[in-house]
Amino acid sequence: MKTSIKLRRIARGMKQSDLANLVNVRRETIGRLEQGQYCPSLRLAMDLAKVFDTTVEDLFSFDDEEQ
């Protein structure tokens, strides 16, 4: 899974902990999401999209080779 969370977060001057607080998860969860090591729940994905004023599809993409 690939994500643009880190780029969007940095562009807004946010720390991982800032974003984590906005979506009610631990900072470590944001780190794992940014590294593609964690597949979020639909609720978390939607909350993240809302923070960045975008769609879930714009935040996450899946590499067919990983499946």
PDB file of N, CA and C in Angstrom:
ATOM      1  N   MET A   1       0.845  -1.174   0.000  1.00  0.00           N
ATOM      2  CA  MET A   1       0.000   0.000   0.000  1.00  0.00           C
ATOM      3  C   MET A   1       0.889   1.237   0.000  1.00  0.00           C
ATOM      4  N   LYS A   2       0.528   2.196  -0.807  1.00  0.00           N
ATOM      5  CA  LYS A   2       1.235   3.473  -0.849  1.00  0.00           C
ATOM      6  C   LYS A   2       0.283   4.555  -0.351  1.00  0.00           C
ATOM      7  N   THR A   3       0.862   5.580   0.241  1.00  0.00           N
ATOM      8  CA  THR A   3       0.044   6.661   0.766  1.00  0.00           C
ATOM      9  C   THR A   3       0.749   8.003   0.614  1.00  0.00           C
ATOM     10  N   SER A   4      -0.041   9.055   0.512  1.00  0.00           N
ATOM     11  CA  SER A   4       0.512  10.405   0.420  1.00  0.00           C
ATOM     12  C   SER A   4       0.351  11.155   1.744  1.00  0.00           C
ATOM     13  N   ILE A   5       0.078  10.430   2.799  1.00  0.00           N
ATOM     14  CA  ILE A   5      -0.160  11.069   4.100  1.00  0.00           C
ATOM     15  C   ILE A   5       1.041  11.902   4.543  1.00  0.00           C
ATOM     16  N   LYS A   6       2.237  11.326   4.480  1.00  0.00           N
ATOM     17  CA  LYS A   6       3.420  12.035   4.970  1.00  0.00           C
ATOM     18  C   LYS A   6       3.625  13.351   4.215  1.00  0.00           C
ATOM     19  N   LEU A   7       3.537  13.323   2.896  1.00  0.00           N
ATOM     20  CA  LEU A   7       3.721  14.544   2.103  1.00  0.00           C
ATOM     21  C   LEU A   7       2.678  15.595   2.452  1.00  0.00           C
ATOM     22  N   ARG A   8       1.444  15.160   2.588  1.00  0.00           N
ATOM     23  CA  ARG A   8       0.371  16.103   2.927  1.00  0.00           C
ATOM     24  C   ARG A   8       0.534  16.655   4.344  1.00  0.00           C
ATOM     25  N   ARG A   9       0.954  15.786   5.262  1.00  0.00           N
ATOM     26  CA  ARG A   9       1.151  16.217   6.646  1.00  0.00           C
ATOM     27  C   ARG A   9       2.270  17.257   6.729  1.00  0.00           C
ATOM     28  N   ILE A  10       3.391  16.980   6.080  1.00  0.00           N
ATOM     29  CA  ILE A  10       4.528  17.902   6.094  1.00  0.00           C
ATOM     30  C   ILE A  10       4.163  19.224   5.424  1.00  0.00           C
ATOM     31  N   ALA A  11       3.421  19.157   4.324  1.00  0.00           N
ATOM     32  CA  ALA A  11       3.008  20.369   3.616  1.00  0.00           C
ATOM     33  C   ALA A  11       2.164  21.285   4.505  1.00  0.00           C
ATOM     34  N   ARG A  12       1.471  20.692   5.451  1.00  0.00           N
ATOM     35  CA  ARG A  12       0.645  21.483   6.380  1.00  0.00           C
ATOM     36  C   ARG A  12       1.379  21.827   7.670  1.00  0.00           C
ATOM     37  N   GLY A  13       2.655  21.441   7.748  1.00  0.00           N
ATOM     38  CA  GLY A  13       3.445  21.763   8.932  1.00  0.00           C
ATOM     39  C   GLY A  13       3.031  21.005  10.174  1.00  0.00           C
ATOM     40  N   MET A  14       2.514  19.809   9.975  1.00  0.00           N
ATOM     41  CA  MET A  14       2.037  19.010  11.097  1.00  0.00           C
ATOM     42  C   MET A  14       3.057  17.955  11.490  1.00  0.00           C
ATOM     43  N   LYS A  15       3.093  17.644  12.775  1.00  0.00           N
ATOM     44  CA  LYS A  15       3.865  16.508  13.270  1.00  0.00           C
ATOM     45  C   LYS A  15       2.963  15.279  13.250  1.00  0.00           C
ATOM     46  N   GLN A  16       3.585  14.113  13.319  1.00  0.00           N
ATOM     47  CA  GLN A  16       2.786  12.887  13.387  1.00  0.00           C
ATOM     48  C   GLN A  16       1.830  12.935  14.571  1.00  0.00           C
ATOM     49  N   SER A  17       2.304  13.456  15.684  1.00  0.00           N
ATOM     50  CA  SER A  17       1.456  13.517  16.877  1.00  0.00           C
ATOM     51  C   SER A  17       0.268  14.456  16.681  1.00  0.00           C
ATOM     52  N   ASP A  18       0.460  15.541  15.916  1.00  0.00           N
ATOM     53  CA  ASP A  18      -0.654  16.457  15.632  1.00  0.00           C
ATOM     54  C   ASP A  18      -1.749  15.738  14.854  1.00  0.00           C
ATOM     55  N   LEU A  19      -1.331  15.032  13.816  1.00  0.00           N
ATOM     56  CA  LEU A  19      -2.294  14.302  12.997  1.00  0.00           C
ATOM     57  C   LEU A  19      -2.961  13.187  13.806  1.00  0.00           C
ATOM     58  N   ALA A  20      -2.169  12.501  14.600  1.00  0.00           N
ATOM     59  CA  ALA A  20      -2.709  11.422  15.433  1.00  0.00           C
ATOM     60  C   ALA A  20      -3.812  11.950  16.351  1.00  0.00           C
ATOM     61  N   ASN A  21      -3.585  13.097  16.943  1.00  0.00           N
ATOM     62  CA  ASN A  21      -4.590  13.688  17.829  1.00  0.00           C
ATOM     63  C   ASN A  21      -5.871  14.035  17.085  1.00  0.00           C
ATOM     64  N   LEU A  22      -5.742  14.496  15.844  1.00  0.00           N
ATOM     65  CA  LEU A  22      -6.919  14.877  15.065  1.00  0.00           C
ATOM     66  C   LEU A  22      -7.794  13.685  14.698  1.00  0.00           C
ATOM     67  N   VAL A  23      -7.158  12.512  14.535  1.00  0.00           N
ATOM     68  CA  VAL A  23      -7.934  11.332  14.119  1.00  0.00           C
ATOM     69  C   VAL A  23      -8.033  10.280  15.224  1.00  0.00           C
ATOM     70  N   ASN A  24      -7.621  10.646  16.424  1.00  0.00           N
ATOM     71  CA  ASN A  24      -7.771   9.802  17.615  1.00  0.00           C
ATOM     72  C   ASN A  24      -7.059   8.448  17.525  1.00  0.00           C
ATOM     73  N   VAL A  25      -5.791   8.488  17.099  1.00  0.00           N
ATOM     74  CA  VAL A  25      -4.946   7.293  17.112  1.00  0.00           C
ATOM     75  C   VAL A  25      -3.609   7.661  17.740  1.00  0.00           C
ATOM     76  N   ARG A  26      -2.765   6.665  17.948  1.00  0.00           N
ATOM     77  CA  ARG A  26      -1.435   6.920  18.505  1.00  0.00           C
ATOM     78  C   ARG A  26      -0.494   7.408  17.401  1.00  0.00           C
ATOM     79  N   ARG A  27       0.526   8.135  17.781  1.00  0.00           N
ATOM     80  CA  ARG A  27       1.517   8.638  16.832  1.00  0.00           C
ATOM     81  C   ARG A  27       2.139   7.491  16.050  1.00  0.00           C
ATOM     82  N   GLU A  28       2.363   6.380  16.726  1.00  0.00           N
ATOM     83  CA  GLU A  28       2.970   5.218  16.078  1.00  0.00           C
ATOM     84  C   GLU A  28       2.105   4.696  14.925  1.00  0.00           C
ATOM     85  N   THR A  29       0.808   4.820  15.072  1.00  0.00           N
ATOM     86  CA  THR A  29      -0.099   4.391  14.002  1.00  0.00           C
ATOM     87  C   THR A  29       0.107   5.244  12.760  1.00  0.00           C
ATOM     88  N   ILE A  30       0.270   6.532  12.946  1.00  0.00           N
ATOM     89  CA  ILE A  30       0.521   7.427  11.812  1.00  0.00           C
ATOM     90  C   ILE A  30       1.850   7.056  11.149  1.00  0.00           C
ATOM     91  N   GLY A  31       2.869   6.794  11.938  1.00  0.00           N
ATOM     92  CA  GLY A  31       4.162   6.393  11.399  1.00  0.00           C
ATOM     93  C   GLY A  31       4.067   5.131  10.560  1.00  0.00           C
ATOM     94  N   ARG A  32       3.340   4.150  11.072  1.00  0.00           N
ATOM     95  CA  ARG A  32       3.179   2.885  10.340  1.00  0.00           C
ATOM     96  C   ARG A  32       2.348   3.082   9.066  1.00  0.00           C
ATOM     97  N   LEU A  33       1.352   3.948   9.122  1.00  0.00           N
ATOM     98  CA  LEU A  33       0.568   4.263   7.925  1.00  0.00           C
ATOM     99  C   LEU A  33       1.457   4.897   6.862  1.00  0.00           C
ATOM    100  N   GLU A  34       2.272   5.855   7.274  1.00  0.00           N
ATOM    101  CA  GLU A  34       3.139   6.563   6.335  1.00  0.00           C
ATOM    102  C   GLU A  34       4.157   5.629   5.682  1.00  0.00           C
ATOM    103  N   GLN A  35       4.546   4.595   6.388  1.00  0.00           N
ATOM    104  CA  GLN A  35       5.516   3.638   5.860  1.00  0.00           C
ATOM    105  C   GLN A  35       4.849   2.492   5.090  1.00  0.00           C
ATOM    106  N   GLY A  36       3.533   2.509   5.021  1.00  0.00           N
ATOM    107  CA  GLY A  36       2.810   1.461   4.312  1.00  0.00           C
ATOM    108  C   GLY A  36       2.780   0.142   5.055  1.00  0.00           C
ATOM    109  N   GLN A  37       2.981   0.197   6.373  1.00  0.00           N
ATOM    110  CA  GLN A  37       3.013  -1.011   7.187  1.00  0.00           C
ATOM    111  C   GLN A  37       1.694  -1.291   7.905  1.00  0.00           C
ATOM    112  N   TYR A  38       0.717  -0.448   7.689  1.00  0.00           N
ATOM    113  CA  TYR A  38      -0.549  -0.597   8.399  1.00  0.00           C
ATOM    114  C   TYR A  38      -1.677  -0.251   7.438  1.00  0.00           C
ATOM    115  N   CYS A  39      -2.651  -1.103   7.363  1.00  0.00           N
ATOM    116  CA  CYS A  39      -3.823  -0.864   6.527  1.00  0.00           C
ATOM    117  C   CYS A  39      -4.929  -0.323   7.440  1.00  0.00           C
ATOM    118  N   PRO A  40      -5.345   0.912   7.234  1.00  0.00           N
ATOM    119  CA  PRO A  40      -6.302   1.523   8.152  1.00  0.00           C
ATOM    120  C   PRO A  40      -7.714   0.973   7.985  1.00  0.00           C
ATOM    121  N   SER A  41      -8.479   1.128   9.040  1.00  0.00           N
ATOM    122  CA  SER A  41      -9.904   0.825   8.951  1.00  0.00           C
ATOM    123  C   SER A  41     -10.541   1.852   8.020  1.00  0.00           C
ATOM    124  N   LEU A  42     -11.726   1.541   7.549  1.00  0.00           N
ATOM    125  CA  LEU A  42     -12.439   2.476   6.690  1.00  0.00           C
ATOM    126  C   LEU A  42     -12.689   3.787   7.432  1.00  0.00           C
ATOM    127  N   ARG A  43     -13.030   3.681   8.694  1.00  0.00           N
ATOM    128  CA  ARG A  43     -13.283   4.880   9.501  1.00  0.00           C
ATOM    129  C   ARG A  43     -12.046   5.773   9.590  1.00  0.00           C
ATOM    130  N   LEU A  44     -10.877   5.173   9.876  1.00  0.00           N
ATOM    131  CA  LEU A  44      -9.645   5.944   9.976  1.00  0.00           C
ATOM    132  C   LEU A  44      -9.288   6.551   8.625  1.00  0.00           C
ATOM    133  N   ALA A  45      -9.424   5.788   7.557  1.00  0.00           N
ATOM    134  CA  ALA A  45      -9.120   6.304   6.227  1.00  0.00           C
ATOM    135  C   ALA A  45     -10.003   7.510   5.896  1.00  0.00           C
ATOM    136  N   MET A  46     -11.268   7.420   6.248  1.00  0.00           N
ATOM    137  CA  MET A  46     -12.188   8.531   5.998  1.00  0.00           C
ATOM    138  C   MET A  46     -11.864   9.743   6.860  1.00  0.00           C
ATOM    139  N   ASP A  47     -11.488   9.500   8.119  1.00  0.00           N
ATOM    140  CA  ASP A  47     -11.103  10.603   9.004  1.00  0.00           C
ATOM    141  C   ASP A  47      -9.855  11.314   8.478  1.00  0.00           C
ATOM    142  N   LEU A  48      -8.890  10.551   8.000  1.00  0.00           N
ATOM    143  CA  LEU A  48      -7.667  11.140   7.438  1.00  0.00           C
ATOM    144  C   LEU A  48      -7.986  11.950   6.189  1.00  0.00           C
ATOM    145  N   ALA A  49      -8.828  11.417   5.329  1.00  0.00           N
ATOM    146  CA  ALA A  49      -9.220  12.134   4.117  1.00  0.00           C
ATOM    147  C   ALA A  49      -9.903  13.453   4.464  1.00  0.00           C
ATOM    148  N   LYS A  50     -10.710  13.433   5.499  1.00  0.00           N
ATOM    149  CA  LYS A  50     -11.411  14.649   5.933  1.00  0.00           C
ATOM    150  C   LYS A  50     -10.414  15.703   6.427  1.00  0.00           C
ATOM    151  N   VAL A  51      -9.407  15.276   7.197  1.00  0.00           N
ATOM    152  CA  VAL A  51      -8.390  16.209   7.693  1.00  0.00           C
ATOM    153  C   VAL A  51      -7.697  16.902   6.526  1.00  0.00           C
ATOM    154  N   PHE A  52      -7.391  16.141   5.476  1.00  0.00           N
ATOM    155  CA  PHE A  52      -6.659  16.683   4.338  1.00  0.00           C
ATOM    156  C   PHE A  52      -7.562  17.192   3.224  1.00  0.00           C
ATOM    157  N   ASP A  53      -8.869  17.196   3.464  1.00  0.00           N
ATOM    158  CA  ASP A  53      -9.843  17.703   2.497  1.00  0.00           C
ATOM    159  C   ASP A  53      -9.656  17.046   1.130  1.00  0.00           C
ATOM    160  N   THR A  54      -9.610  15.727   1.139  1.00  0.00           N
ATOM    161  CA  THR A  54      -9.425  14.947  -0.079  1.00  0.00           C
ATOM    162  C   THR A  54     -10.229  13.661   0.028  1.00  0.00           C
ATOM    163  N   THR A  55     -10.026  12.763  -0.892  1.00  0.00           N
ATOM    164  CA  THR A  55     -10.727  11.484  -0.869  1.00  0.00           C
ATOM    165  C   THR A  55      -9.799  10.380  -0.382  1.00  0.00           C
ATOM    166  N   VAL A  56     -10.385   9.295   0.067  1.00  0.00           N
ATOM    167  CA  VAL A  56      -9.610   8.127   0.488  1.00  0.00           C
ATOM    168  C   VAL A  56      -8.762   7.627  -0.684  1.00  0.00           C
ATOM    169  N   GLU A  57      -9.339   7.638  -1.877  1.00  0.00           N
ATOM    170  CA  GLU A  57      -8.631   7.171  -3.066  1.00  0.00           C
ATOM    171  C   GLU A  57      -7.400   8.014  -3.371  1.00  0.00           C
ATOM    172  N   ASP A  58      -7.443   9.302  -3.040  1.00  0.00           N
ATOM    173  CA  ASP A  58      -6.275  10.155  -3.258  1.00  0.00           C
ATOM    174  C   ASP A  58      -5.200   9.937  -2.201  1.00  0.00           C
ATOM    175  N   LEU A  59      -5.588   9.487  -1.025  1.00  0.00           N
ATOM    176  CA  LEU A  59      -4.616   9.245   0.044  1.00  0.00           C
ATOM    177  C   LEU A  59      -3.918   7.895  -0.065  1.00  0.00           C
ATOM    178  N   PHE A  60      -4.637   6.893  -0.539  1.00  0.00           N
ATOM    179  CA  PHE A  60      -4.116   5.522  -0.547  1.00  0.00           C
ATOM    180  C   PHE A  60      -4.189   4.908  -1.932  1.00  0.00           C
ATOM    181  N   SER A  61      -3.152   4.133  -2.262  1.00  0.00           N
ATOM    182  CA  SER A  61      -3.184   3.333  -3.490  1.00  0.00           C
ATOM    183  C   SER A  61      -2.567   1.986  -3.183  1.00  0.00           C
ATOM    184  N   PHE A  62      -3.039   0.998  -3.889  1.00  0.00           N
ATOM    185  CA  PHE A  62      -2.568  -0.362  -3.648  1.00  0.00           C
ATOM    186  C   PHE A  62      -1.794  -0.860  -4.848  1.00  0.00           C
ATOM    187  N   ASP A  63      -0.610  -1.380  -4.589  1.00  0.00           N
ATOM    188  CA  ASP A  63       0.243  -1.938  -5.616  1.00  0.00           C
ATOM    189  C   ASP A  63      -0.212  -3.366  -5.872  1.00  0.00           C
ATOM    190  N   ASP A  64      -0.616  -3.671  -7.098  1.00  0.00           N
ATOM    191  CA  ASP A  64      -1.124  -5.006  -7.426  1.00  0.00           C
ATOM    192  C   ASP A  64      -0.117  -6.113  -7.132  1.00  0.00           C
ATOM    193  N   GLU A  65       1.181  -5.810  -7.169  1.00  0.00           N
ATOM    194  CA  GLU A  65       2.202  -6.816  -6.925  1.00  0.00           C
ATOM    195  C   GLU A  65       2.239  -7.272  -5.477  1.00  0.00           C
ATOM    196  N   GLU A  66       1.718  -6.473  -4.560  1.00  0.00           N
ATOM    197  CA  GLU A  66       1.737  -6.806  -3.140  1.00  0.00           C
ATOM    198  C   GLU A  66       0.639  -7.787  -2.760  1.00  0.00           C
ATOM    199  N   GLN A  67      -0.370  -7.963  -3.606  1.00  0.00           N
ATOM    200  CA  GLN A  67      -1.524  -8.792  -3.260  1.00  0.00           C
ATOM    201  C   GLN A  67      -1.238 -10.243  -3.398  1.00  0.00           C
TER     202      GLN A  67
END
